[in-house]
C-alpha atoms as a PDB file:
ATOM      1  CA  MET A   1      77.730  74.115   8.783  1.00  0.00           C
ATOM      2  CA  ASP A   2      76.783  73.210   5.157  1.00  0.00           C
ATOM      3  CA  THR A   3      74.905  74.735   2.392  1.00  0.00           C
ATOM      4  CA  ALA A   4      74.570  78.429   2.897  1.00  0.00           C
ATOM      5  CA  ALA A   5      76.745  78.457   5.556  1.00  0.00           C
ATOM      6  CA  THR A   6      79.506  76.503   4.019  1.00  0.00           C
ATOM      7  CA  ARG A   7      79.388  78.606   0.718  1.00  0.00           C
ATOM      8  CA  ALA A   8      79.814  81.871   2.892  1.00  0.00           C
ATOM      9  CA  ILE A   9      82.945  80.481   4.856  1.00  0.00           C
ATOM     10  CA  GLU A  10      84.554  78.758   1.838  1.00  0.00           C
ATOM     11  CA  ALA A  11      84.254  81.756  -0.674  1.00  0.00           C
ATOM     12  CA  ASN A  12      86.436  83.404   1.696  1.00  0.00           C
ATOM     13  CA  ALA A  13      89.140  80.593   2.971  1.00  0.00           C
ATOM     14  CA  PRO A  14      91.791  79.543   0.819  1.00  0.00           C
ATOM     15  CA  ASP A  15      92.832  75.943   0.204  1.00  0.00           C
ATOM     16  CA  TYR A  16      95.978  75.877   2.178  1.00  0.00           C
ATOM     17  CA  HIS A  17      96.091  72.011   1.427  1.00  0.00           C
ATOM     18  CA  GLY A  18      99.530  71.289  -0.276  1.00  0.00           C
ATOM     19  CA  ARG A  19     100.450  74.878  -0.393  1.00  0.00           C
ATOM     20  CA  GLY A  20     102.935  75.705   2.877  1.00  0.00           C
ATOM     21  CA  PRO A  21     102.144  75.611   6.259  1.00  0.00           C
ATOM     22  CA  VAL A  22      98.943  75.599   7.717  1.00  0.00           C
ATOM     23  CA  PRO A  23      98.056  78.561   9.354  1.00  0.00           C
ATOM     24  CA  GLU A  24      97.332  79.234  13.218  1.00  0.00           C
ATOM     25  CA  ARG A  25      93.866  80.242  12.641  1.00  0.00           C
ATOM     26  CA  MET A  26      91.458  81.604  10.035  1.00  0.00           C
ATOM     27  CA  SER A  27      92.478  85.057   9.002  1.00  0.00           C
ATOM     28  CA  ASP A  28      90.680  88.311  10.614  1.00  0.00           C
ATOM     29  CA  ALA A  29      89.676  89.140   7.186  1.00  0.00           C
ATOM     30  CA  GLU A  30      88.436  85.848   6.077  1.00  0.00           C
ATOM     31  CA  ILE A  31      86.179  85.357   9.188  1.00  0.00           C
ATOM     32  CA  LYS A  32      84.689  88.987   9.120  1.00  0.00           C
ATOM     33  CA  ALA A  33      83.502  88.906   5.308  1.00  0.00           C
ATOM     34  CA  SER A  34      82.324  85.502   5.830  1.00  0.00           C
ATOM     35  CA  PHE A  35      79.786  86.366   8.582  1.00  0.00           C
ATOM     36  CA  ASP A  36      78.919  89.711   7.412  1.00  0.00           C
ATOM     37  CA  ALA A  37      77.926  88.196   4.049  1.00  0.00           C
ATOM     38  CA  TYR A  38      76.006  85.311   5.851  1.00  0.00           C
ATOM     39  CA  ALA A  39      74.356  87.428   9.113  1.00  0.00           C
ATOM     40  CA  ALA A  40      70.941  87.847   7.555  1.00  0.00           C
ATOM     41  CA  GLU A  41      70.254  84.028   7.405  1.00  0.00           C
ATOM     42  CA  PHE A  42      72.322  82.746   9.951  1.00  0.00           C
ATOM     43  CA  ASP A  43      69.565  81.991  12.985  1.00  0.00           C
ATOM     44  CA  ARG A  44      67.474  80.378  10.665  1.00  0.00           C
ATOM     45  CA  HIS A  45      70.112  78.261   8.968  1.00  0.00           C
ATOM     46  CA  ILE A  46      72.025  77.335  11.928  1.00  0.00           C
ATOM     47  CA  ARG A  47      68.611  76.224  13.877  1.00  0.00           C
ATOM     48  CA  SER A  48      67.639  74.144  11.014  1.00  0.00           C
ATOM     49  CA  LEU A  49      71.099  71.755  11.463  1.00  0.00           C
ATOM     50  CA  ASP A  50      69.864  70.932  14.954  1.00  0.00           C
ATOM     51  CA  TYR A  51      72.257  73.467  16.560  1.00  0.00           C
ATOM     52  CA  ARG A  52      73.030  72.456  20.585  1.00  0.00           C
ATOM     53  CA  ALA A  53      76.282  74.209  21.038  1.00  0.00           C
ATOM     54  CA  PRO A  54      74.626  76.774  23.569  1.00  0.00           C
ATOM     55  CA  GLU A  55      72.306  74.758  25.258  1.00  0.00           C
ATOM     56  CA  LEU A  56      74.901  72.069  25.941  1.00  0.00           C
ATOM     57  CA  VAL A  57      77.178  75.359  27.563  1.00  0.00           C
ATOM     58  CA  ALA A  58      74.271  76.186  29.410  1.00  0.00           C
ATOM     59  CA  GLU A  59      74.143  72.895  30.941  1.00  0.00           C
ATOM     60  CA  VAL A  60      77.903  72.764  31.955  1.00  0.00           C
ATOM     61  CA  LEU A  61      77.067  76.313  33.705  1.00  0.00           C
ATOM     62  CA  ALA A  62      73.948  75.188  35.328  1.00  0.00           C
ATOM     63  CA  ARG A  63      75.780  72.434  37.077  1.00  0.00           C
ATOM     64  CA  ARG A  64      78.882  74.373  37.656  1.00  0.00           C
ATOM     65  CA  LEU A  65      77.792  77.471  38.901  1.00  0.00           C
ATOM     66  CA  SER A  66      75.071  78.503  42.126  1.00  0.00           C
ATOM     67  CA  PRO A  67      71.832  79.161  41.281  1.00  0.00           C
ATOM     68  CA  ALA A  68      71.404  82.343  38.840  1.00  0.00           C
ATOM     69  CA  HIS A  69      71.182  85.722  40.291  1.00  0.00           C
ATOM     70  CA  ALA A  70      72.829  87.968  37.688  1.00  0.00           C
ATOM     71  CA  ARG A  71      76.001  88.815  40.014  1.00  0.00           C
ATOM     72  CA  LEU A  72      78.820  87.613  37.610  1.00  0.00           C
ATOM     73  CA  ASP A  73      80.907  89.563  34.993  1.00  0.00           C
ATOM     74  CA  VAL A  74      80.067  87.426  31.761  1.00  0.00           C
ATOM     75  CA  LEU A  75      81.880  86.811  28.321  1.00  0.00           C
ATOM     76  CA  ASP A  76      80.537  85.536  25.470  1.00  0.00           C
ATOM     77  CA  GLY A  77      83.379  85.198  23.299  1.00  0.00           C
ATOM     78  CA  GLY A  78      82.703  85.222  19.707  1.00  0.00           C
ATOM     79  CA  CYS A  79      78.975  86.049  20.442  1.00  0.00           C
ATOM     80  CA  GLY A  80      77.882  86.128  16.514  1.00  0.00           C
ATOM     81  CA  THR A  81      74.249  87.086  16.523  1.00  0.00           C
ATOM     82  CA  GLY A  82      73.519  86.129  20.401  1.00  0.00           C
ATOM     83  CA  LEU A  83      72.423  83.002  20.238  1.00  0.00           C
ATOM     84  CA  SER A  84      73.934  82.043  23.469  1.00  0.00           C
ATOM     85  CA  ALA A  85      72.809  85.439  25.383  1.00  0.00           C
ATOM     86  CA  ALA A  86      69.226  84.289  26.816  1.00  0.00           C
ATOM     87  CA  LEU A  87      71.073  81.190  28.706  1.00  0.00           C
ATOM     88  CA  LEU A  88      74.056  83.301  29.879  1.00  0.00           C
ATOM     89  CA  ARG A  89      71.899  86.502  30.937  1.00  0.00           C
ATOM     90  CA  PRO A  90      70.567  84.797  34.204  1.00  0.00           C
ATOM     91  CA  TYR A  91      74.144  84.609  35.684  1.00  0.00           C
ATOM     92  CA  ALA A  92      75.273  88.093  34.206  1.00  0.00           C
ATOM     93  CA  ARG A  93      75.376  91.476  36.443  1.00  0.00           C
ATOM     94  CA  GLN A  94      77.250  92.816  32.850  1.00  0.00           C
ATOM     95  CA  LEU A  95      77.076  90.456  29.325  1.00  0.00           C
ATOM     96  CA  THR A  96      79.588  91.281  27.511  1.00  0.00           C
ATOM     97  CA  GLY A  97      79.735  90.265  24.169  1.00  0.00           C
ATOM     98  CA  VAL A  98      82.943  90.427  21.447  1.00  0.00           C
ATOM     99  CA  ASP A  99      83.005  89.433  17.488  1.00  0.00           C
ATOM    100  CA  LEU A 100      84.632  90.636  14.524  1.00  0.00           C
ATOM    101  CA  SER A 101      81.496  90.960  12.339  1.00  0.00           C
ATOM    102  CA  PRO A 102      79.923  94.037  12.831  1.00  0.00           C
ATOM    103  CA  ALA A 103      76.460  92.893  10.687  1.00  0.00           C
ATOM    104  CA  MET A 104      76.380  89.531  13.330  1.00  0.00           C
ATOM    105  CA  LEU A 105      76.746  92.294  16.387  1.00  0.00           C
ATOM    106  CA  GLU A 106      73.780  94.231  14.867  1.00  0.00           C
ATOM    107  CA  ARG A 107      71.624  91.346  15.309  1.00  0.00           C
ATOM    108  CA  ALA A 108      73.266  90.720  18.650  1.00  0.00           C
ATOM    109  CA  ARG A 109      72.165  93.947  19.919  1.00  0.00           C
ATOM    110  CA  ARG A 110      68.912  93.368  18.657  1.00  0.00           C
ATOM    111  CA  THR A 111      68.190  90.894  21.267  1.00  0.00           C
ATOM    112  CA  GLY A 112      68.482  93.642  24.111  1.00  0.00           C
ATOM    113  CA  LEU A 113      70.531  91.184  26.446  1.00  0.00           C
ATOM    114  CA  TYR A 114      74.029  92.428  26.280  1.00  0.00           C
ATOM    115  CA  ASP A 115      75.267  95.412  28.514  1.00  0.00           C
ATOM    116  CA  VAL A 116      78.512  95.854  25.911  1.00  0.00           C
ATOM    117  CA  LEU A 117      79.107  95.059  22.294  1.00  0.00           C
ATOM    118  CA  VAL A 118      82.639  94.986  21.068  1.00  0.00           C
ATOM    119  CA  GLU A 119      83.912  94.607  17.568  1.00  0.00           C
ATOM    120  CA  SER A 120      87.196  93.090  17.886  1.00  0.00           C
ATOM    121  CA  GLU A 121      89.291  90.113  17.221  1.00  0.00           C
ATOM    122  CA  LEU A 122      88.781  87.460  19.658  1.00  0.00           C
ATOM    123  CA  GLY A 123      92.394  87.046  21.104  1.00  0.00           C
ATOM    124  CA  GLY A 124      93.294  90.650  21.262  1.00  0.00           C
ATOM    125  CA  PHE A 125      90.212  91.874  23.097  1.00  0.00           C
ATOM    126  CA  LEU A 126      90.864  88.907  25.911  1.00  0.00           C
ATOM    127  CA  ALA A 127      94.593  89.995  26.149  1.00  0.00           C
ATOM    128  CA  ALA A 128      93.406  94.096  27.124  1.00  0.00           C
ATOM    129  CA  HIS A 129      91.070  92.314  29.481  1.00  0.00           C
ATOM    130  CA  ALA A 130      93.348  90.787  32.154  1.00  0.00           C
ATOM    131  CA  ALA A 131      91.128  89.295  35.292  1.00  0.00           C
ATOM    132  CA  SER A 132      88.199  91.133  33.890  1.00  0.00           C
ATOM    133  CA  PHE A 133      85.338  88.192  34.131  1.00  0.00           C
ATOM    134  CA  ASP A 134      84.207  85.513  36.254  1.00  0.00           C
ATOM    135  CA  VAL A 135      83.028  83.564  33.571  1.00  0.00           C
ATOM    136  CA  CYS A 136      84.288  83.145  29.753  1.00  0.00           C
ATOM    137  CA  VAL A 137      82.139  81.509  27.223  1.00  0.00           C
ATOM    138  CA  LEU A 138      83.728  80.500  23.951  1.00  0.00           C
ATOM    139  CA  VAL A 139      80.736  78.577  21.845  1.00  0.00           C
ATOM    140  CA  ASP A 140      81.671  77.563  18.450  1.00  0.00           C
ATOM    141  CA  VAL A 141      84.582  80.285  17.594  1.00  0.00           C
ATOM    142  CA  LEU A 142      87.565  77.963  18.417  1.00  0.00           C
ATOM    143  CA  ILE A 143      87.014  76.485  14.967  1.00  0.00           C
ATOM    144  CA  TYR A 144      88.382  79.038  13.621  1.00  0.00           C
ATOM    145  CA  PHE A 145      91.728  78.465  15.528  1.00  0.00           C
ATOM    146  CA  GLY A 146      94.329  76.028  15.492  1.00  0.00           C
ATOM    147  CA  ASP A 147      96.911  75.389  18.074  1.00  0.00           C
ATOM    148  CA  LEU A 148      94.879  76.118  21.101  1.00  0.00           C
ATOM    149  CA  HIS A 149      97.573  77.137  23.304  1.00  0.00           C
ATOM    150  CA  ALA A 150      97.539  80.547  22.935  1.00  0.00           C
ATOM    151  CA  ILE A 151      93.830  81.387  22.899  1.00  0.00           C
ATOM    152  CA  ILE A 152      92.985  79.152  25.852  1.00  0.00           C
ATOM    153  CA  ALA A 153      96.235  81.237  28.013  1.00  0.00           C
ATOM    154  CA  ARG A 154      94.381  84.299  26.938  1.00  0.00           C
ATOM    155  CA  ALA A 155      90.864  83.325  27.942  1.00  0.00           C
ATOM    156  CA  ALA A 156      92.269  81.871  31.410  1.00  0.00           C
ATOM    157  CA  ARG A 157      94.219  85.072  31.649  1.00  0.00           C
ATOM    158  CA  SER A 158      91.221  87.023  31.072  1.00  0.00           C
ATOM    159  CA  LEU A 159      89.257  85.393  34.179  1.00  0.00           C
ATOM    160  CA  ARG A 160      89.640  86.501  37.667  1.00  0.00           C
ATOM    161  CA  PRO A 161      90.852  83.884  40.450  1.00  0.00           C
ATOM    162  CA  GLY A 162      88.387  80.665  40.482  1.00  0.00           C
ATOM    163  CA  GLY A 163      86.555  82.059  37.140  1.00  0.00           C
ATOM    164  CA  LEU A 164      84.866  79.525  34.811  1.00  0.00           C
ATOM    165  CA  LEU A 165      85.672  78.761  31.167  1.00  0.00           C
ATOM    166  CA  ALA A 166      83.278  76.734  29.102  1.00  0.00           C
ATOM    167  CA  LEU A 167      83.885  76.252  25.594  1.00  0.00           C
ATOM    168  CA  THR A 168      83.214  73.920  22.690  1.00  0.00           C
ATOM    169  CA  VAL A 169      85.122  72.431  19.680  1.00  0.00           C
ATOM    170  CA  GLU A 170      84.745  69.969  17.141  1.00  0.00           C
ATOM    171  CA  LYS A 171      86.251  66.741  17.544  1.00  0.00           C
ATOM    172  CA  SER A 172      88.913  65.123  16.030  1.00  0.00           C
ATOM    173  CA  ASP A 173      90.199  61.958  16.056  1.00  0.00           C
ATOM    174  CA  ARG A 174      93.778  62.838  14.686  1.00  0.00           C
ATOM    175  CA  PRO A 175      96.700  64.407  17.246  1.00  0.00           C
ATOM    176  CA  GLY A 176      96.510  67.775  17.520  1.00  0.00           C
ATOM    177  CA  SER A 177      94.416  70.009  15.263  1.00  0.00           C
ATOM    178  CA  HIS A 178      93.159  69.328  11.933  1.00  0.00           C
ATOM    179  CA  MET A 179      92.412  72.311   9.368  1.00  0.00           C
ATOM    180  CA  HIS A 180      89.237  71.363   6.773  1.00  0.00           C
ATOM    181  CA  SER A 181      88.902  72.650   3.267  1.00  0.00           C
ATOM    182  CA  SER A 182      86.494  75.161   4.805  1.00  0.00           C
ATOM    183  CA  GLY A 183      89.247  76.848   7.039  1.00  0.00           C
ATOM    184  CA  ARG A 184      87.559  75.678  10.076  1.00  0.00           C
ATOM    185  CA  TYR A 185      89.469  73.068  12.598  1.00  0.00           C
ATOM    186  CA  SER A 186      88.530  70.403  14.721  1.00  0.00           C
ATOM    187  CA  GLN A 187      90.404  69.343  17.611  1.00  0.00           C
ATOM    188  CA  HIS A 188      91.769  66.258  19.524  1.00  0.00           C
ATOM    189  CA  ALA A 189      90.817  65.675  23.168  1.00  0.00           C
ATOM    190  CA  ASP A 190      94.080  65.513  24.254  1.00  0.00           C
ATOM    191  CA  HIS A 191      95.228  68.776  22.297  1.00  0.00           C
ATOM    192  CA  VAL A 192      92.517  70.697  24.302  1.00  0.00           C
ATOM    193  CA  ARG A 193      93.555  69.183  27.802  1.00  0.00           C
ATOM    194  CA  ALA A 194      96.993  70.124  26.818  1.00  0.00           C
ATOM    195  CA  ALA A 195      96.128  73.546  26.223  1.00  0.00           C
ATOM    196  CA  LEU A 196      94.560  74.147  29.411  1.00  0.00           C
ATOM    197  CA  ALA A 197      97.124  72.382  31.864  1.00  0.00           C
ATOM    198  CA  ALA A 198      99.568  75.047  29.734  1.00  0.00           C
ATOM    199  CA  ALA A 199      97.210  77.875  30.630  1.00  0.00           C
ATOM    200  CA  GLY A 200      97.024  77.279  34.298  1.00  0.00           C
ATOM    201  CA  CYS A 201      93.536  76.117  34.278  1.00  0.00           C
ATOM    202  CA  VAL A 202      92.382  73.010  36.517  1.00  0.00           C
ATOM    203  CA  ALA A 203      90.129  70.957  33.954  1.00  0.00           C
ATOM    204  CA  ILE A 204      86.722  69.793  35.261  1.00  0.00           C
ATOM    205  CA  GLU A 205      84.932  67.712  32.648  1.00  0.00           C
ATOM    206  CA  GLN A 206      85.335  67.397  28.775  1.00  0.00           C
ATOM    207  CA  VAL A 207      82.480  64.981  27.352  1.00  0.00           C
ATOM    208  CA  GLU A 208      81.267  64.350  23.732  1.00  0.00           C
ATOM    209  CA  ALA A 209      77.887  65.572  22.248  1.00  0.00           C
ATOM    210  CA  GLU A 210      76.623  65.932  18.938  1.00  0.00           C
ATOM    211  CA  ILE A 211      76.377  69.576  18.464  1.00  0.00           C
ATOM    212  CA  ARG A 212      74.979  70.009  15.120  1.00  0.00           C
ATOM    213  CA  THR A 213      74.397  68.167  11.581  1.00  0.00           C
ATOM    214  CA  GLU A 214      76.272  68.523   8.577  1.00  0.00           C
ATOM    215  CA  SER A 215      75.582  66.877   5.285  1.00  0.00           C
ATOM    216  CA  ASP A 216      72.427  65.295   7.229  1.00  0.00           C
ATOM    217  CA  ALA A 217      75.234  63.580   9.536  1.00  0.00           C
ATOM    218  CA  PRO A 218      75.575  64.429  13.463  1.00  0.00           C
ATOM    219  CA  VAL A 219      79.004  66.618  14.056  1.00  0.00           C
ATOM    220  CA  VAL A 220      80.553  65.389  17.425  1.00  0.00           C
ATOM    221  CA  GLY A 221      81.721  68.174  19.600  1.00  0.00           C
ATOM    222  CA  LEU A 222      83.630  68.223  22.686  1.00  0.00           C
ATOM    223  CA  ILE A 223      81.954  70.257  25.276  1.00  0.00           C
ATOM    224  CA  VAL A 224      84.640  71.408  28.173  1.00  0.00           C
ATOM    225  CA  SER A 225      85.081  72.918  31.312  1.00  0.00           C
ATOM    226  CA  ALA A 226      87.475  74.259  33.503  1.00  0.00           C
ATOM    227  CA  ARG A 227      88.487  76.923  36.336  1.00  0.00           C
ATOM    228  CA  THR A 228      91.335  78.974  37.109  1.00  0.00           C
ATOM    229  CA  PRO A 229      93.163  78.311  40.381  1.00  0.00           C
ATOM    230  CA  ARG A 230      91.718  80.600  43.191  1.00  0.00           C
END
């Protein structure tokens, strides 16, 4: 993100560089304040950045799921204003959206596409909903987490046997996870693979794609899918 988006997030994201250990993720308070302030202009602004992450994940679902017949329990983790909802709805018997920001959730509610919307920290929600979903989609939410092992393990546990996990991260060429001055993180491909393996997921694919622009330059992400064992 850039311009208005970056200003909203950076205003609430402290600079940790050189000031002790890098936190495992941006705090709940930072994320909530940022996106409550940003909600009114989020959709317009993110589309101006050639934002493609929801469509890229939808392509994964189309390849990995049988023709959509609205028969699956689908989780949109970090759903924001609901930009992924129309792409997920054809697969969903029940479509659940989870987000920390009540202002973002109010806009998601206006889409009329979710059966359930929950204001919650993602990790806590996943931990409380073991074996509850057939599909878990995490679009552009893992940029607020550093080490992915814990959150991916919780996402895997939220899925039923053979469930599909589809996610995006921003790609880093540095090992592990890398925190930026904005408080967001990028991830090395090996780190994502290791987190999936530790969670017992069977990796399906991990591809690079341009997910948006920032300062008029493309941002490369990883579009990842995996299944839980049957």
